[in-house]
Amino acid sequence: MVERHAASKVLSSNKVVVETQKTRAGRDAAGADTRPYRFGEFDILAVSIEASTRDWTQFRYTVANWLLPRPDNPGVMMKFQPVSLATDADWTDRIDIAIEWFFEGKSRTISL
């Protein structure tokens, strides 16, 4: 997890940033970048917040389809996503709740 990245200047003090992209860069047959995740490639995002809490047991979970899209390509997730240190309507500290959110199928976008 990346704490207080440049993107954090738009975040509230109770949020940190997680980088969501694949480690290796590449191009598909059409020349499109394969490093960013596309919506639908996974269902739940789990984020360790140890870097902020110094507690390896602390995680936050959300529905992957709720993550912020790239402005220039809405089918792709933004590279840096805001993560709430407190549980809220977007992030939970319980995987079972995130799974419930996923199966509810609600359409929404996490807040900055």
C-alpha atoms as a PDB file:
ATOM      1  CA  MET A   1       0.000   0.000   0.000  1.00  0.00           C
ATOM      2  CA  VAL A   2       1.187   3.491  -0.769  1.00  0.00           C
ATOM      3  CA  GLU A   3       0.600   6.060   1.961  1.00  0.00           C
ATOM      4  CA  ARG A   4       0.067   9.697   1.136  1.00  0.00           C
ATOM      5  CA  HIS A   5       0.927   9.501  -2.553  1.00  0.00           C
ATOM      6  CA  ALA A   6       0.533  12.639  -4.659  1.00  0.00           C
ATOM      7  CA  ALA A   7      -3.068  11.598  -5.278  1.00  0.00           C
ATOM      8  CA  SER A   8      -3.723  11.956  -1.560  1.00  0.00           C
ATOM      9  CA  LYS A   9      -3.845  15.736  -1.770  1.00  0.00           C
ATOM     10  CA  VAL A  10      -7.486  15.374  -2.775  1.00  0.00           C
ATOM     11  CA  LEU A  11      -8.272  12.884   0.009  1.00  0.00           C
ATOM     12  CA  SER A  12      -9.515  13.481   3.506  1.00  0.00           C
ATOM     13  CA  SER A  13      -7.178  12.819   6.428  1.00  0.00           C
ATOM     14  CA  ASN A  14      -8.774   9.453   7.213  1.00  0.00           C
ATOM     15  CA  LYS A  15      -7.930   7.957   3.816  1.00  0.00           C
ATOM     16  CA  VAL A  16      -4.838   6.412   2.300  1.00  0.00           C
ATOM     17  CA  VAL A  17      -4.114   5.300  -1.248  1.00  0.00           C
ATOM     18  CA  VAL A  18      -3.645   1.831  -2.680  1.00  0.00           C
ATOM     19  CA  GLU A  19      -2.022   1.186  -6.051  1.00  0.00           C
ATOM     20  CA  THR A  20      -4.136  -1.149  -8.171  1.00  0.00           C
ATOM     21  CA  GLN A  21      -2.283  -2.354 -11.227  1.00  0.00           C
ATOM     22  CA  LYS A  22      -0.361  -5.398 -12.351  1.00  0.00           C
ATOM     23  CA  THR A  23       3.359  -5.523 -11.676  1.00  0.00           C
ATOM     24  CA  ARG A  24       4.503  -5.998 -15.253  1.00  0.00           C
ATOM     25  CA  ALA A  25       3.690  -3.764 -18.170  1.00  0.00           C
ATOM     26  CA  GLY A  26       2.706  -5.174 -21.501  1.00  0.00           C
ATOM     27  CA  ARG A  27       0.598  -4.626 -24.599  1.00  0.00           C
ATOM     28  CA  ASP A  28      -2.182  -6.741 -26.050  1.00  0.00           C
ATOM     29  CA  ALA A  29      -2.566  -7.512 -29.763  1.00  0.00           C
ATOM     30  CA  ALA A  30      -4.284  -4.163 -30.333  1.00  0.00           C
ATOM     31  CA  GLY A  31      -1.473  -2.299 -28.544  1.00  0.00           C
ATOM     32  CA  ALA A  32      -3.484  -1.498 -25.407  1.00  0.00           C
ATOM     33  CA  ASP A  33      -1.703  -1.341 -22.043  1.00  0.00           C
ATOM     34  CA  THR A  34      -2.238  -4.590 -20.077  1.00  0.00           C
ATOM     35  CA  ARG A  35      -0.888  -3.282 -16.756  1.00  0.00           C
ATOM     36  CA  PRO A  36      -4.096  -1.649 -15.442  1.00  0.00           C
ATOM     37  CA  TYR A  37      -6.868  -3.885 -14.150  1.00  0.00           C
ATOM     38  CA  ARG A  38     -10.094  -3.844 -16.067  1.00  0.00           C
ATOM     39  CA  PHE A  39     -13.419  -3.976 -14.304  1.00  0.00           C
ATOM     40  CA  GLY A  40     -14.575  -7.585 -14.072  1.00  0.00           C
ATOM     41  CA  GLU A  41     -11.092  -9.085 -13.604  1.00  0.00           C
ATOM     42  CA  PHE A  42     -11.715  -9.607  -9.869  1.00  0.00           C
ATOM     43  CA  ASP A  43     -14.689  -9.204  -7.519  1.00  0.00           C
ATOM     44  CA  ILE A  44     -13.357  -7.972  -4.152  1.00  0.00           C
ATOM     45  CA  LEU A  45     -10.337  -5.819  -3.351  1.00  0.00           C
ATOM     46  CA  ALA A  46      -8.588  -6.568  -0.041  1.00  0.00           C
ATOM     47  CA  VAL A  47      -6.121  -3.951   1.202  1.00  0.00           C
ATOM     48  CA  SER A  48      -3.700  -4.375   4.078  1.00  0.00           C
ATOM     49  CA  ILE A  49      -3.590  -1.138   6.055  1.00  0.00           C
ATOM     50  CA  GLU A  50      -0.573  -2.230   8.097  1.00  0.00           C
ATOM     51  CA  ALA A  51       1.511   0.631   6.701  1.00  0.00           C
ATOM     52  CA  SER A  52      -0.850   3.066   8.420  1.00  0.00           C
ATOM     53  CA  THR A  53      -1.840   1.095  11.523  1.00  0.00           C
ATOM     54  CA  ARG A  54       1.292  -1.012  12.177  1.00  0.00           C
ATOM     55  CA  ASP A  55      -1.121  -3.926  12.644  1.00  0.00           C
ATOM     56  CA  TRP A  56      -0.814  -6.799  10.163  1.00  0.00           C
ATOM     57  CA  THR A  57      -4.303  -8.047  11.054  1.00  0.00           C
ATOM     58  CA  GLN A  58      -6.008  -4.893   9.717  1.00  0.00           C
ATOM     59  CA  PHE A  59      -7.572  -5.055   6.238  1.00  0.00           C
ATOM     60  CA  ARG A  60     -10.194  -3.116   4.333  1.00  0.00           C
ATOM     61  CA  TYR A  61     -12.416  -4.700   1.699  1.00  0.00           C
ATOM     62  CA  THR A  62     -14.628  -3.309  -1.043  1.00  0.00           C
ATOM     63  CA  VAL A  63     -16.392  -4.420  -4.211  1.00  0.00           C
ATOM     64  CA  ALA A  64     -14.047  -4.115  -7.190  1.00  0.00           C
ATOM     65  CA  ASN A  65     -16.752  -2.686  -9.454  1.00  0.00           C
ATOM     66  CA  TRP A  66     -17.111   0.240  -7.016  1.00  0.00           C
ATOM     67  CA  LEU A  67     -13.537   1.412  -7.583  1.00  0.00           C
ATOM     68  CA  LEU A  68     -12.858   4.660  -9.415  1.00  0.00           C
ATOM     69  CA  PRO A  69     -12.529   4.375 -13.203  1.00  0.00           C
ATOM     70  CA  ARG A  70      -9.900   6.125 -15.259  1.00  0.00           C
ATOM     71  CA  PRO A  71     -11.370   9.315 -16.721  1.00  0.00           C
ATOM     72  CA  ASP A  72      -9.943   8.532 -20.169  1.00  0.00           C
ATOM     73  CA  ASN A  73     -11.007   4.859 -20.115  1.00  0.00           C
ATOM     74  CA  PRO A  74     -13.997   3.984 -17.883  1.00  0.00           C
ATOM     75  CA  GLY A  75     -13.491   0.233 -18.394  1.00  0.00           C
ATOM     76  CA  VAL A  76     -10.157   0.414 -16.537  1.00  0.00           C
ATOM     77  CA  MET A  77      -9.552   1.072 -12.827  1.00  0.00           C
ATOM     78  CA  MET A  78      -7.686   4.195 -11.807  1.00  0.00           C
ATOM     79  CA  LYS A  79      -4.131   3.399 -10.767  1.00  0.00           C
ATOM     80  CA  PHE A  80      -4.501   4.907  -7.269  1.00  0.00           C
ATOM     81  CA  GLN A  81      -7.644   4.259  -5.226  1.00  0.00           C
ATOM     82  CA  PRO A  82      -8.644   5.957  -1.947  1.00  0.00           C
ATOM     83  CA  VAL A  83      -9.054   3.594   1.019  1.00  0.00           C
ATOM     84  CA  SER A  84     -10.826   4.622   4.198  1.00  0.00           C
ATOM     85  CA  LEU A  85      -9.010   3.802   7.430  1.00  0.00           C
ATOM     86  CA  ALA A  86     -12.400   3.702   9.167  1.00  0.00           C
ATOM     87  CA  THR A  87     -15.148   1.383   8.041  1.00  0.00           C
ATOM     88  CA  ASP A  88     -17.833   3.179   6.060  1.00  0.00           C
ATOM     89  CA  ALA A  89     -20.336   2.640   3.242  1.00  0.00           C
ATOM     90  CA  ASP A  90     -17.473   1.940   0.792  1.00  0.00           C
ATOM     91  CA  TRP A  91     -14.965  -0.023   2.897  1.00  0.00           C
ATOM     92  CA  THR A  92     -15.436  -2.703   5.554  1.00  0.00           C
ATOM     93  CA  ASP A  93     -13.052  -4.570   7.812  1.00  0.00           C
ATOM     94  CA  ARG A  94     -15.035  -7.804   7.325  1.00  0.00           C
ATOM     95  CA  ILE A  95     -14.699  -9.959   4.216  1.00  0.00           C
ATOM     96  CA  ASP A  96     -18.172 -11.445   4.758  1.00  0.00           C
ATOM     97  CA  ILE A  97     -19.736  -7.981   4.497  1.00  0.00           C
ATOM     98  CA  ALA A  98     -17.809  -7.245   1.283  1.00  0.00           C
ATOM     99  CA  ILE A  99     -19.065 -10.547  -0.139  1.00  0.00           C
ATOM    100  CA  GLU A 100     -22.633  -9.572   0.801  1.00  0.00           C
ATOM    101  CA  TRP A 101     -22.145  -6.206  -0.920  1.00  0.00           C
ATOM    102  CA  PHE A 102     -20.879  -7.985  -4.023  1.00  0.00           C
ATOM    103  CA  PHE A 103     -23.861 -10.354  -4.209  1.00  0.00           C
ATOM    104  CA  GLU A 104     -26.312  -7.495  -3.636  1.00  0.00           C
ATOM    105  CA  GLY A 105     -25.147  -6.216  -7.030  1.00  0.00           C
ATOM    106  CA  LYS A 106     -25.511  -2.528  -6.171  1.00  0.00           C
ATOM    107  CA  SER A 107     -23.990  -0.104  -8.633  1.00  0.00           C
ATOM    108  CA  ARG A 108     -21.981   2.680  -7.010  1.00  0.00           C
ATOM    109  CA  THR A 109     -18.560   4.300  -6.923  1.00  0.00           C
ATOM    110  CA  ILE A 110     -16.395   4.775  -3.842  1.00  0.00           C
ATOM    111  CA  SER A 111     -15.963   8.320  -2.613  1.00  0.00           C
ATOM    112  CA  LEU A 112     -12.806  10.360  -2.437  1.00  0.00           C
END
